[in-house]
């Protein structure tokens, strides 16, 4: 099994829809650190699991310097963001989304 990991930093804003009072319901931004993990039993024709540039492009084109509420079809929590990213990258099995120091959410496919 081959595995690759790509770490990307982006800036993006969001506001959360919550059923309790929280300052996170106000519009605010983060410098997000996103770590994408991909794996494959066989390499593609170019000898890769997935091109690192394709991973970066998929994330930055969609999310960097954007309002996440306008991009994600769900409440833009770090957890939902991790799944949304994982579903869009070839051979991805895990995504970690760090919204601030000490606060990281992960999504991993079964």
PDB file of N, CA and C in Angstrom:
ATOM      1  N   UNK A   1       0.847  -1.176   0.000  1.00  0.00           N
ATOM      2  CA  UNK A   1       0.000   0.000   0.000  1.00  0.00           C
ATOM      3  C   UNK A   1       0.893   1.240   0.000  1.00  0.00           C
ATOM      4  N   UNK A   2       0.586   2.163  -0.891  1.00  0.00           N
ATOM      5  CA  UNK A   2       1.301   3.428  -0.979  1.00  0.00           C
ATOM      6  C   UNK A   2       0.468   4.511  -0.295  1.00  0.00           C
ATOM      7  N   UNK A   3       1.127   5.405   0.409  1.00  0.00           N
ATOM      8  CA  UNK A   3       0.441   6.503   1.090  1.00  0.00           C
ATOM      9  C   UNK A   3       1.183   7.800   0.834  1.00  0.00           C
ATOM     10  N   UNK A   4       0.422   8.868   0.583  1.00  0.00           N
ATOM     11  CA  UNK A   4       0.988  10.214   0.483  1.00  0.00           C
ATOM     12  C   UNK A   4       0.206  11.121   1.417  1.00  0.00           C
ATOM     13  N   UNK A   5       0.897  12.149   1.906  1.00  0.00           N
ATOM     14  CA  UNK A   5       0.292  13.142   2.796  1.00  0.00           C
ATOM     15  C   UNK A   5       0.657  14.522   2.289  1.00  0.00           C
ATOM     16  N   UNK A   6      -0.338  15.384   2.211  1.00  0.00           N
ATOM     17  CA  UNK A   6      -0.127  16.769   1.769  1.00  0.00           C
ATOM     18  C   UNK A   6      -0.693  17.700   2.832  1.00  0.00           C
ATOM     19  N   UNK A   7       0.100  18.659   3.261  1.00  0.00           N
ATOM     20  CA  UNK A   7      -0.314  19.666   4.238  1.00  0.00           C
ATOM     21  C   UNK A   7      -0.438  21.007   3.528  1.00  0.00           C
ATOM     22  N   UNK A   8      -1.566  21.659   3.722  1.00  0.00           N
ATOM     23  CA  UNK A   8      -1.861  22.914   3.027  1.00  0.00           C
ATOM     24  C   UNK A   8      -2.381  23.928   4.040  1.00  0.00           C
ATOM     25  N   UNK A   9      -1.962  25.167   3.898  1.00  0.00           N
ATOM     26  CA  UNK A   9      -2.506  26.236   4.730  1.00  0.00           C
ATOM     27  C   UNK A   9      -3.338  27.161   3.857  1.00  0.00           C
ATOM     28  N   UNK A  10      -4.540  27.478   4.330  1.00  0.00           N
ATOM     29  CA  UNK A  10      -5.403  28.410   3.626  1.00  0.00           C
ATOM     30  C   UNK A  10      -5.989  29.401   4.626  1.00  0.00           C
ATOM     31  N   UNK A  11      -6.510  30.485   4.099  1.00  0.00           N
ATOM     32  CA  UNK A  11      -7.266  31.441   4.892  1.00  0.00           C
ATOM     33  C   UNK A  11      -8.691  31.429   4.379  1.00  0.00           C
ATOM     34  N   UNK A  12      -9.635  31.332   5.301  1.00  0.00           N
ATOM     35  CA  UNK A  12     -11.043  31.319   4.909  1.00  0.00           C
ATOM     36  C   UNK A  12     -11.890  31.750   6.102  1.00  0.00           C
ATOM     37  N   UNK A  13     -13.074  32.250   5.793  1.00  0.00           N
ATOM     38  CA  UNK A  13     -13.990  32.727   6.826  1.00  0.00           C
ATOM     39  C   UNK A  13     -15.251  31.871   6.844  1.00  0.00           C
ATOM     40  N   UNK A  14     -15.938  31.930   7.972  1.00  0.00           N
ATOM     41  CA  UNK A  14     -17.223  31.229   8.085  1.00  0.00           C
ATOM     42  C   UNK A  14     -17.973  31.777   9.293  1.00  0.00           C
ATOM     43  N   UNK A  15     -19.211  31.396   9.386  1.00  0.00           N
ATOM     44  CA  UNK A  15     -19.994  31.578  10.600  1.00  0.00           C
ATOM     45  C   UNK A  15     -20.822  30.324  10.769  1.00  0.00           C
ATOM     46  N   UNK A  16     -20.933  29.871  11.982  1.00  0.00           N
ATOM     47  CA  UNK A  16     -21.611  28.610  12.245  1.00  0.00           C
ATOM     48  C   UNK A  16     -23.065  28.830  12.649  1.00  0.00           C
ATOM     49  N   UNK A  17     -23.911  27.933  12.206  1.00  0.00           N
ATOM     50  CA  UNK A  17     -25.307  27.891  12.630  1.00  0.00           C
ATOM     51  C   UNK A  17     -25.375  26.890  13.781  1.00  0.00           C
ATOM     52  N   UNK A  18     -25.619  27.381  14.982  1.00  0.00           N
ATOM     53  CA  UNK A  18     -25.601  26.526  16.165  1.00  0.00           C
ATOM     54  C   UNK A  18     -26.904  26.658  16.941  1.00  0.00           C
ATOM     55  N   UNK A  19     -27.254  25.621  17.678  1.00  0.00           N
ATOM     56  CA  UNK A  19     -28.476  25.667  18.470  1.00  0.00           C
ATOM     57  C   UNK A  19     -28.201  26.096  19.912  1.00  0.00           C
ATOM     58  N   UNK A  20     -27.070  26.750  20.118  1.00  0.00           N
ATOM     59  CA  UNK A  20     -26.721  27.320  21.419  1.00  0.00           C
ATOM     60  C   UNK A  20     -25.973  28.628  21.168  1.00  0.00           C
ATOM     61  N   UNK A  21     -25.876  29.461  22.183  1.00  0.00           N
ATOM     62  CA  UNK A  21     -25.203  30.755  22.052  1.00  0.00           C
ATOM     63  C   UNK A  21     -23.693  30.553  21.983  1.00  0.00           C
ATOM     64  N   UNK A  22     -23.080  31.175  20.978  1.00  0.00           N
ATOM     65  CA  UNK A  22     -21.636  31.038  20.784  1.00  0.00           C
ATOM     66  C   UNK A  22     -21.133  32.196  19.946  1.00  0.00           C
ATOM     67  N   UNK A  23     -19.921  32.655  20.244  1.00  0.00           N
ATOM     68  CA  UNK A  23     -19.325  33.708  19.423  1.00  0.00           C
ATOM     69  C   UNK A  23     -19.035  33.214  18.004  1.00  0.00           C
ATOM     70  N   UNK A  24     -19.028  31.893  17.805  1.00  0.00           N
ATOM     71  CA  UNK A  24     -18.755  31.330  16.480  1.00  0.00           C
ATOM     72  C   UNK A  24     -19.917  31.517  15.505  1.00  0.00           C
ATOM     73  N   UNK A  25     -21.059  31.992  15.999  1.00  0.00           N
ATOM     74  CA  UNK A  25     -22.164  32.310  15.091  1.00  0.00           C
ATOM     75  C   UNK A  25     -21.932  33.649  14.402  1.00  0.00           C
ATOM     76  N   UNK A  26     -20.927  34.398  14.877  1.00  0.00           N
ATOM     77  CA  UNK A  26     -20.517  35.641  14.208  1.00  0.00           C
ATOM     78  C   UNK A  26     -19.546  35.305  13.085  1.00  0.00           C
ATOM     79  N   UNK A  27     -19.586  36.091  12.033  1.00  0.00           N
ATOM     80  CA  UNK A  27     -18.669  35.910  10.912  1.00  0.00           C
ATOM     81  C   UNK A  27     -17.241  36.123  11.398  1.00  0.00           C
ATOM     82  N   UNK A  28     -16.346  35.167  11.108  1.00  0.00           N
ATOM     83  CA  UNK A  28     -14.951  35.249  11.532  1.00  0.00           C
ATOM     84  C   UNK A  28     -14.089  34.377  10.614  1.00  0.00           C
ATOM     85  N   UNK A  29     -12.787  34.516  10.724  1.00  0.00           N
ATOM     86  CA  UNK A  29     -11.888  33.770   9.854  1.00  0.00           C
ATOM     87  C   UNK A  29     -10.830  33.002  10.620  1.00  0.00           C
ATOM     88  N   UNK A  30     -10.202  32.084   9.904  1.00  0.00           N
ATOM     89  CA  UNK A  30      -9.110  31.275  10.452  1.00  0.00           C
ATOM     90  C   UNK A  30      -8.041  31.111   9.388  1.00  0.00           C
ATOM     91  N   UNK A  31      -6.839  30.849   9.833  1.00  0.00           N
ATOM     92  CA  UNK A  31      -5.785  30.349   8.961  1.00  0.00           C
ATOM     93  C   UNK A  31      -5.764  28.846   9.201  1.00  0.00           C
ATOM     94  N   UNK A  32      -6.430  28.137   8.312  1.00  0.00           N
ATOM     95  CA  UNK A  32      -6.653  26.702   8.446  1.00  0.00           C
ATOM     96  C   UNK A  32      -5.421  25.917   8.008  1.00  0.00           C
ATOM     97  N   UNK A  33      -5.141  24.822   8.687  1.00  0.00           N
ATOM     98  CA  UNK A  33      -4.120  23.873   8.250  1.00  0.00           C
ATOM     99  C   UNK A  33      -4.855  22.579   7.926  1.00  0.00           C
ATOM    100  N   UNK A  34      -4.758  22.172   6.672  1.00  0.00           N
ATOM    101  CA  UNK A  34      -5.469  20.992   6.187  1.00  0.00           C
ATOM    102  C   UNK A  34      -4.442  19.943   5.792  1.00  0.00           C
ATOM    103  N   UNK A  35      -4.589  18.747   6.339  1.00  0.00           N
ATOM    104  CA  UNK A  35      -3.696  17.647   6.011  1.00  0.00           C
ATOM    105  C   UNK A  35      -4.510  16.544   5.347  1.00  0.00           C
ATOM    106  N   UNK A  36      -4.108  16.205   4.138  1.00  0.00           N
ATOM    107  CA  UNK A  36      -4.820  15.221   3.327  1.00  0.00           C
ATOM    108  C   UNK A  36      -3.972  13.961   3.236  1.00  0.00           C
ATOM    109  N   UNK A  37      -4.604  12.824   3.485  1.00  0.00           N
ATOM    110  CA  UNK A  37      -3.930  11.527   3.426  1.00  0.00           C
ATOM    111  C   UNK A  37      -4.588  10.704   2.317  1.00  0.00           C
ATOM    112  N   UNK A  38      -3.774  10.217   1.385  1.00  0.00           N
ATOM    113  CA  UNK A  38      -4.284   9.404   0.273  1.00  0.00           C
ATOM    114  C   UNK A  38      -3.484   8.105   0.206  1.00  0.00           C
ATOM    115  N   UNK A  39      -4.150   7.049  -0.295  1.00  0.00           N
ATOM    116  CA  UNK A  39      -3.445   5.769  -0.428  1.00  0.00           C
ATOM    117  C   UNK A  39      -3.989   4.997  -1.619  1.00  0.00           C
ATOM    118  N   UNK A  40      -3.140   4.107  -2.106  1.00  0.00           N
ATOM    119  CA  UNK A  40      -3.532   3.248  -3.230  1.00  0.00           C
ATOM    120  C   UNK A  40      -2.678   1.988  -3.204  1.00  0.00           C
ATOM    121  N   UNK A  41      -3.277   0.892  -3.633  1.00  0.00           N
ATOM    122  CA  UNK A  41      -2.527  -0.372  -3.742  1.00  0.00           C
ATOM    123  C   UNK A  41      -1.576  -0.329  -4.919  1.00  0.00           C
ATOM    124  N   UNK A  42      -1.996   0.346  -5.972  1.00  0.00           N
ATOM    125  CA  UNK A  42      -1.181   0.464  -7.187  1.00  0.00           C
ATOM    126  C   UNK A  42      -0.990   1.933  -7.524  1.00  0.00           C
ATOM    127  N   UNK A  43       0.141   2.261  -8.087  1.00  0.00           N
ATOM    128  CA  UNK A  43       0.412   3.625  -8.520  1.00  0.00           C
ATOM    129  C   UNK A  43      -0.221   3.877  -9.881  1.00  0.00           C
ATOM    130  N   UNK A  44      -0.534   5.137 -10.158  1.00  0.00           N
ATOM    131  CA  UNK A  44      -1.113   5.462 -11.466  1.00  0.00           C
ATOM    132  C   UNK A  44      -0.036   5.413 -12.549  1.00  0.00           C
ATOM    133  N   UNK A  45      -0.383   5.752 -13.761  1.00  0.00           N
ATOM    134  CA  UNK A  45       0.538   5.677 -14.899  1.00  0.00           C
ATOM    135  C   UNK A  45       1.759   6.570 -14.711  1.00  0.00           C
ATOM    136  N   UNK A  46       1.648   7.596 -13.874  1.00  0.00           N
ATOM    137  CA  UNK A  46       2.760   8.497 -13.607  1.00  0.00           C
ATOM    138  C   UNK A  46       3.584   8.085 -12.390  1.00  0.00           C
ATOM    139  N   UNK A  47       3.250   6.935 -11.809  1.00  0.00           N
ATOM    140  CA  UNK A  47       3.994   6.456 -10.653  1.00  0.00           C
ATOM    141  C   UNK A  47       3.601   7.142  -9.354  1.00  0.00           C
ATOM    142  N   UNK A  48       2.351   7.624  -9.273  1.00  0.00           N
ATOM    143  CA  UNK A  48       1.888   8.356  -8.101  1.00  0.00           C
ATOM    144  C   UNK A  48       0.586   7.777  -7.555  1.00  0.00           C
ATOM    145  N   UNK A  49       0.354   8.026  -6.275  1.00  0.00           N
ATOM    146  CA  UNK A  49      -0.958   7.771  -5.679  1.00  0.00           C
ATOM    147  C   UNK A  49      -1.910   8.842  -6.190  1.00  0.00           C
ATOM    148  N   UNK A  50      -1.483  10.075  -6.080  1.00  0.00           N
ATOM    149  CA  UNK A  50      -2.177  11.247  -6.609  1.00  0.00           C
ATOM    150  C   UNK A  50      -1.135  12.365  -6.666  1.00  0.00           C
ATOM    151  N   UNK A  51      -1.240  13.230  -7.623  1.00  0.00           N
ATOM    152  CA  UNK A  51      -0.283  14.336  -7.759  1.00  0.00           C
ATOM    153  C   UNK A  51      -0.512  15.342  -6.630  1.00  0.00           C
ATOM    154  N   UNK A  52       0.540  15.712  -5.920  1.00  0.00           N
ATOM    155  CA  UNK A  52       0.437  16.696  -4.840  1.00  0.00           C
ATOM    156  C   UNK A  52      -0.187  18.003  -5.329  1.00  0.00           C
ATOM    157  N   UNK A  53       0.138  18.387  -6.550  1.00  0.00           N
ATOM    158  CA  UNK A  53      -0.421  19.617  -7.116  1.00  0.00           C
ATOM    159  C   UNK A  53      -1.931  19.521  -7.278  1.00  0.00           C
ATOM    160  N   UNK A  54      -2.428  18.351  -7.635  1.00  0.00           N
ATOM    161  CA  UNK A  54      -3.877  18.172  -7.761  1.00  0.00           C
ATOM    162  C   UNK A  54      -4.576  18.316  -6.414  1.00  0.00           C
ATOM    163  N   UNK A  55      -3.953  17.809  -5.359  1.00  0.00           N
ATOM    164  CA  UNK A  55      -4.518  17.964  -4.020  1.00  0.00           C
ATOM    165  C   UNK A  55      -4.571  19.441  -3.647  1.00  0.00           C
ATOM    166  N   UNK A  56      -3.453  20.120  -3.824  1.00  0.00           N
ATOM    167  CA  UNK A  56      -3.384  21.541  -3.475  1.00  0.00           C
ATOM    168  C   UNK A  56      -4.410  22.346  -4.262  1.00  0.00           C
ATOM    169  N   UNK A  57      -4.474  22.104  -5.539  1.00  0.00           N
ATOM    170  CA  UNK A  57      -5.396  22.853  -6.397  1.00  0.00           C
ATOM    171  C   UNK A  57      -6.853  22.614  -5.993  1.00  0.00           C
ATOM    172  N   UNK A  58      -7.201  21.366  -5.696  1.00  0.00           N
ATOM    173  CA  UNK A  58      -8.578  21.041  -5.311  1.00  0.00           C
ATOM    174  C   UNK A  58      -9.005  21.802  -4.065  1.00  0.00           C
ATOM    175  N   UNK A  59      -8.090  21.986  -3.140  1.00  0.00           N
ATOM    176  CA  UNK A  59      -8.420  22.685  -1.897  1.00  0.00           C
ATOM    177  C   UNK A  59      -8.341  24.194  -2.060  1.00  0.00           C
ATOM    178  N   UNK A  60      -7.230  24.688  -2.592  1.00  0.00           N
ATOM    179  CA  UNK A  60      -7.077  26.142  -2.666  1.00  0.00           C
ATOM    180  C   UNK A  60      -8.065  26.776  -3.629  1.00  0.00           C
ATOM    181  N   UNK A  61      -8.312  26.158  -4.769  1.00  0.00           N
ATOM    182  CA  UNK A  61      -9.268  26.734  -5.714  1.00  0.00           C
ATOM    183  C   UNK A  61     -10.659  26.841  -5.110  1.00  0.00           C
ATOM    184  N   UNK A  62     -11.033  25.860  -4.317  1.00  0.00           N
ATOM    185  CA  UNK A  62     -12.384  25.832  -3.757  1.00  0.00           C
ATOM    186  C   UNK A  62     -12.524  26.638  -2.473  1.00  0.00           C
ATOM    187  N   UNK A  63     -11.471  26.682  -1.631  1.00  0.00           N
ATOM    188  CA  UNK A  63     -11.646  27.192  -0.275  1.00  0.00           C
ATOM    189  C   UNK A  63     -10.798  28.393   0.116  1.00  0.00           C
ATOM    190  N   UNK A  64      -9.630  28.576  -0.490  1.00  0.00           N
ATOM    191  CA  UNK A  64      -8.727  29.639  -0.033  1.00  0.00           C
ATOM    192  C   UNK A  64      -9.309  31.021  -0.300  1.00  0.00           C
ATOM    193  N   UNK A  65      -9.309  31.850   0.752  1.00  0.00           N
ATOM    194  CA  UNK A  65      -9.833  33.218   0.698  1.00  0.00           C
ATOM    195  C   UNK A  65     -11.299  33.250   0.270  1.00  0.00           C
ATOM    196  N   UNK A  66     -12.057  32.290   0.776  1.00  0.00           N
ATOM    197  CA  UNK A  66     -13.487  32.200   0.475  1.00  0.00           C
ATOM    198  C   UNK A  66     -14.283  32.248   1.774  1.00  0.00           C
ATOM    199  N   UNK A  67     -15.556  32.492   1.617  1.00  0.00           N
ATOM    200  CA  UNK A  67     -16.513  32.330   2.705  1.00  0.00           C
ATOM    201  C   UNK A  67     -17.021  30.899   2.621  1.00  0.00           C
ATOM    202  N   UNK A  68     -16.698  30.093   3.597  1.00  0.00           N
ATOM    203  CA  UNK A  68     -17.036  28.670   3.564  1.00  0.00           C
ATOM    204  C   UNK A  68     -18.544  28.432   3.545  1.00  0.00           C
ATOM    205  N   UNK A  69     -19.323  29.363   4.079  1.00  0.00           N
ATOM    206  CA  UNK A  69     -20.779  29.240   4.034  1.00  0.00           C
ATOM    207  C   UNK A  69     -21.285  29.258   2.604  1.00  0.00           C
ATOM    208  N   UNK A  70     -20.547  29.904   1.707  1.00  0.00           N
ATOM    209  CA  UNK A  70     -20.936  29.980   0.300  1.00  0.00           C
ATOM    210  C   UNK A  70     -20.475  28.772  -0.500  1.00  0.00           C
ATOM    211  N   UNK A  71     -19.588  27.962   0.068  1.00  0.00           N
ATOM    212  CA  UNK A  71     -19.002  26.830  -0.657  1.00  0.00           C
ATOM    213  C   UNK A  71     -19.581  25.498  -0.190  1.00  0.00           C
ATOM    214  N   UNK A  72     -19.565  25.251   1.089  1.00  0.00           N
ATOM    215  CA  UNK A  72     -20.039  23.972   1.617  1.00  0.00           C
ATOM    216  C   UNK A  72     -21.562  23.948   1.673  1.00  0.00           C
ATOM    217  N   UNK A  73     -22.168  22.828   1.300  1.00  0.00           N
ATOM    218  CA  UNK A  73     -23.623  22.719   1.329  1.00  0.00           C
ATOM    219  C   UNK A  73     -24.172  22.407   2.726  1.00  0.00           C
ATOM    220  N   UNK A  74     -23.290  22.364   3.716  1.00  0.00           N
ATOM    221  CA  UNK A  74     -23.653  22.061   5.101  1.00  0.00           C
ATOM    222  C   UNK A  74     -23.038  23.113   6.014  1.00  0.00           C
ATOM    223  N   UNK A  75     -23.397  23.092   7.284  1.00  0.00           N
ATOM    224  CA  UNK A  75     -22.813  23.994   8.263  1.00  0.00           C
ATOM    225  C   UNK A  75     -21.285  23.837   8.219  1.00  0.00           C
ATOM    226  N   UNK A  76     -20.538  24.916   7.984  1.00  0.00           N
ATOM    227  CA  UNK A  76     -19.093  24.791   7.736  1.00  0.00           C
ATOM    228  C   UNK A  76     -18.249  24.609   8.995  1.00  0.00           C
ATOM    229  N   UNK A  77     -18.547  23.555   9.743  1.00  0.00           N
ATOM    230  CA  UNK A  77     -17.701  23.182  10.869  1.00  0.00           C
ATOM    231  C   UNK A  77     -16.426  22.540  10.333  1.00  0.00           C
ATOM    232  N   UNK A  78     -15.417  22.432  11.170  1.00  0.00           N
ATOM    233  CA  UNK A  78     -14.176  21.768  10.753  1.00  0.00           C
ATOM    234  C   UNK A  78     -14.451  20.308  10.393  1.00  0.00           C
ATOM    235  N   UNK A  79     -15.376  19.667  11.108  1.00  0.00           N
ATOM    236  CA  UNK A  79     -15.718  18.272  10.837  1.00  0.00           C
ATOM    237  C   UNK A  79     -16.344  18.124   9.449  1.00  0.00           C
ATOM    238  N   UNK A  80     -17.324  18.983   9.145  1.00  0.00           N
ATOM    239  CA  UNK A  80     -17.966  18.933   7.829  1.00  0.00           C
ATOM    240  C   UNK A  80     -16.988  19.292   6.723  1.00  0.00           C
ATOM    241  N   UNK A  81     -16.107  20.220   7.004  1.00  0.00           N
ATOM    242  CA  UNK A  81     -15.089  20.612   6.027  1.00  0.00           C
ATOM    243  C   UNK A  81     -14.169  19.432   5.700  1.00  0.00           C
ATOM    244  N   UNK A  82     -13.770  18.673   6.728  1.00  0.00           N
ATOM    245  CA  UNK A  82     -12.886  17.518   6.520  1.00  0.00           C
ATOM    246  C   UNK A  82     -13.544  16.485   5.610  1.00  0.00           C
ATOM    247  N   UNK A  83     -14.812  16.201   5.838  1.00  0.00           N
ATOM    248  CA  UNK A  83     -15.487  15.219   4.992  1.00  0.00           C
ATOM    249  C   UNK A  83     -15.657  15.742   3.572  1.00  0.00           C
ATOM    250  N   UNK A  84     -16.033  17.003   3.428  1.00  0.00           N
ATOM    251  CA  UNK A  84     -16.248  17.613   2.124  1.00  0.00           C
ATOM    252  C   UNK A  84     -14.971  17.524   1.283  1.00  0.00           C
ATOM    253  N   UNK A  85     -13.835  17.805   1.908  1.00  0.00           N
ATOM    254  CA  UNK A  85     -12.545  17.723   1.208  1.00  0.00           C
ATOM    255  C   UNK A  85     -12.235  16.274   0.833  1.00  0.00           C
ATOM    256  N   UNK A  86     -12.391  15.372   1.767  1.00  0.00           N
ATOM    257  CA  UNK A  86     -12.066  13.957   1.533  1.00  0.00           C
ATOM    258  C   UNK A  86     -12.853  13.392   0.358  1.00  0.00           C
ATOM    259  N   UNK A  87     -14.101  13.789   0.245  1.00  0.00           N
ATOM    260  CA  UNK A  87     -14.955  13.283  -0.830  1.00  0.00           C
ATOM    261  C   UNK A  87     -14.549  13.793  -2.211  1.00  0.00           C
ATOM    262  N   UNK A  88     -13.693  14.804  -2.278  1.00  0.00           N
ATOM    263  CA  UNK A  88     -13.341  15.424  -3.552  1.00  0.00           C
ATOM    264  C   UNK A  88     -11.938  15.113  -4.063  1.00  0.00           C
ATOM    265  N   UNK A  89     -11.189  14.327  -3.326  1.00  0.00           N
ATOM    266  CA  UNK A  89      -9.803  14.062  -3.723  1.00  0.00           C
ATOM    267  C   UNK A  89      -9.624  12.566  -3.972  1.00  0.00           C
ATOM    268  N   UNK A  90      -9.052  12.242  -5.133  1.00  0.00           N
ATOM    269  CA  UNK A  90      -8.824  10.848  -5.511  1.00  0.00           C
ATOM    270  C   UNK A  90      -7.977  10.127  -4.469  1.00  0.00           C
ATOM    271  N   UNK A  91      -8.405   8.930  -4.119  1.00  0.00           N
ATOM    272  CA  UNK A  91      -7.685   8.046  -3.207  1.00  0.00           C
ATOM    273  C   UNK A  91      -7.554   8.589  -1.784  1.00  0.00           C
ATOM    274  N   UNK A  92      -8.290   9.633  -1.457  1.00  0.00           N
ATOM    275  CA  UNK A  92      -8.221  10.198  -0.110  1.00  0.00           C
ATOM    276  C   UNK A  92      -8.968   9.299   0.865  1.00  0.00           C
ATOM    277  N   UNK A  93      -8.348   9.046   2.016  1.00  0.00           N
ATOM    278  CA  UNK A  93      -9.013   8.247   3.046  1.00  0.00           C
ATOM    279  C   UNK A  93      -9.115   8.978   4.375  1.00  0.00           C
ATOM    280  N   UNK A  94      -8.381  10.101   4.533  1.00  0.00           N
ATOM    281  CA  UNK A  94      -8.428  10.853   5.789  1.00  0.00           C
ATOM    282  C   UNK A  94      -8.065  12.311   5.522  1.00  0.00           C
ATOM    283  N   UNK A  95      -8.774  13.192   6.214  1.00  0.00           N
ATOM    284  CA  UNK A  95      -8.453  14.620   6.184  1.00  0.00           C
ATOM    285  C   UNK A  95      -8.501  15.150   7.610  1.00  0.00           C
ATOM    286  N   UNK A  96      -7.475  15.908   7.983  1.00  0.00           N
ATOM    287  CA  UNK A  96      -7.426  16.603   9.267  1.00  0.00           C
ATOM    288  C   UNK A  96      -7.537  18.096   8.985  1.00  0.00           C
ATOM    289  N   UNK A  97      -8.429  18.770   9.698  1.00  0.00           N
ATOM    290  CA  UNK A  97      -8.628  20.207   9.520  1.00  0.00           C
ATOM    291  C   UNK A  97      -8.373  20.894  10.858  1.00  0.00           C
ATOM    292  N   UNK A  98      -7.311  21.692  10.900  1.00  0.00           N
ATOM    293  CA  UNK A  98      -6.983  22.458  12.104  1.00  0.00           C
ATOM    294  C   UNK A  98      -7.442  23.888  11.897  1.00  0.00           C
ATOM    295  N   UNK A  99      -8.396  24.339  12.715  1.00  0.00           N
ATOM    296  CA  UNK A  99      -8.883  25.699  12.562  1.00  0.00           C
ATOM    297  C   UNK A  99      -8.125  26.677  13.447  1.00  0.00           C
ATOM    298  N   UNK A 100      -7.540  26.186  14.522  1.00  0.00           N
ATOM    299  CA  UNK A 100      -6.698  27.001  15.389  1.00  0.00           C
ATOM    300  C   UNK A 100      -5.821  26.062  16.205  1.00  0.00           C
ATOM    301  N   UNK A 101      -4.821  26.614  16.842  1.00  0.00           N
ATOM    302  CA  UNK A 101      -3.901  25.797  17.630  1.00  0.00           C
ATOM    303  C   UNK A 101      -4.686  24.997  18.665  1.00  0.00           C
ATOM    304  N   UNK A 102      -4.522  23.692  18.627  1.00  0.00           N
ATOM    305  CA  UNK A 102      -5.177  22.830  19.591  1.00  0.00           C
ATOM    306  C   UNK A 102      -6.574  22.368  19.200  1.00  0.00           C
ATOM    307  N   UNK A 103      -7.098  22.842  18.054  1.00  0.00           N
ATOM    308  CA  UNK A 103      -8.444  22.474  17.628  1.00  0.00           C
ATOM    309  C   UNK A 103      -8.401  21.855  16.231  1.00  0.00           C
ATOM    310  N   UNK A 104      -8.436  20.536  16.185  1.00  0.00           N
ATOM    311  CA  UNK A 104      -8.361  19.806  14.924  1.00  0.00           C
ATOM    312  C   UNK A 104      -9.503  18.806  14.850  1.00  0.00           C
ATOM    313  N   UNK A 105     -10.148  18.758  13.684  1.00  0.00           N
ATOM    314  CA  UNK A 105     -11.187  17.764  13.416  1.00  0.00           C
ATOM    315  C   UNK A 105     -10.697  16.867  12.294  1.00  0.00           C
ATOM    316  N   UNK A 106     -11.093  15.601  12.334  1.00  0.00           N
ATOM    317  CA  UNK A 106     -10.679  14.637  11.316  1.00  0.00           C
ATOM    318  C   UNK A 106     -11.878  13.904  10.776  1.00  0.00           C
ATOM    319  N   UNK A 107     -11.749  13.510   9.512  1.00  0.00           N
ATOM    320  CA  UNK A 107     -12.708  12.610   8.901  1.00  0.00           C
ATOM    321  C   UNK A 107     -11.914  11.488   8.249  1.00  0.00           C
ATOM    322  N   UNK A 108     -12.317  10.258   8.482  1.00  0.00           N
ATOM    323  CA  UNK A 108     -11.650   9.111   7.888  1.00  0.00           C
ATOM    324  C   UNK A 108     -12.711   8.167   7.334  1.00  0.00           C
ATOM    325  N   UNK A 109     -12.508   7.775   6.086  1.00  0.00           N
ATOM    326  CA  UNK A 109     -13.423   6.802   5.463  1.00  0.00           C
ATOM    327  C   UNK A 109     -13.245   5.448   6.113  1.00  0.00           C
ATOM    328  N   UNK A 110     -14.332   4.680   6.197  1.00  0.00           N
ATOM    329  CA  UNK A 110     -14.268   3.321   6.754  1.00  0.00           C
ATOM    330  C   UNK A 110     -13.484   2.407   5.847  1.00  0.00           C
TER     331      UNK A 110
END
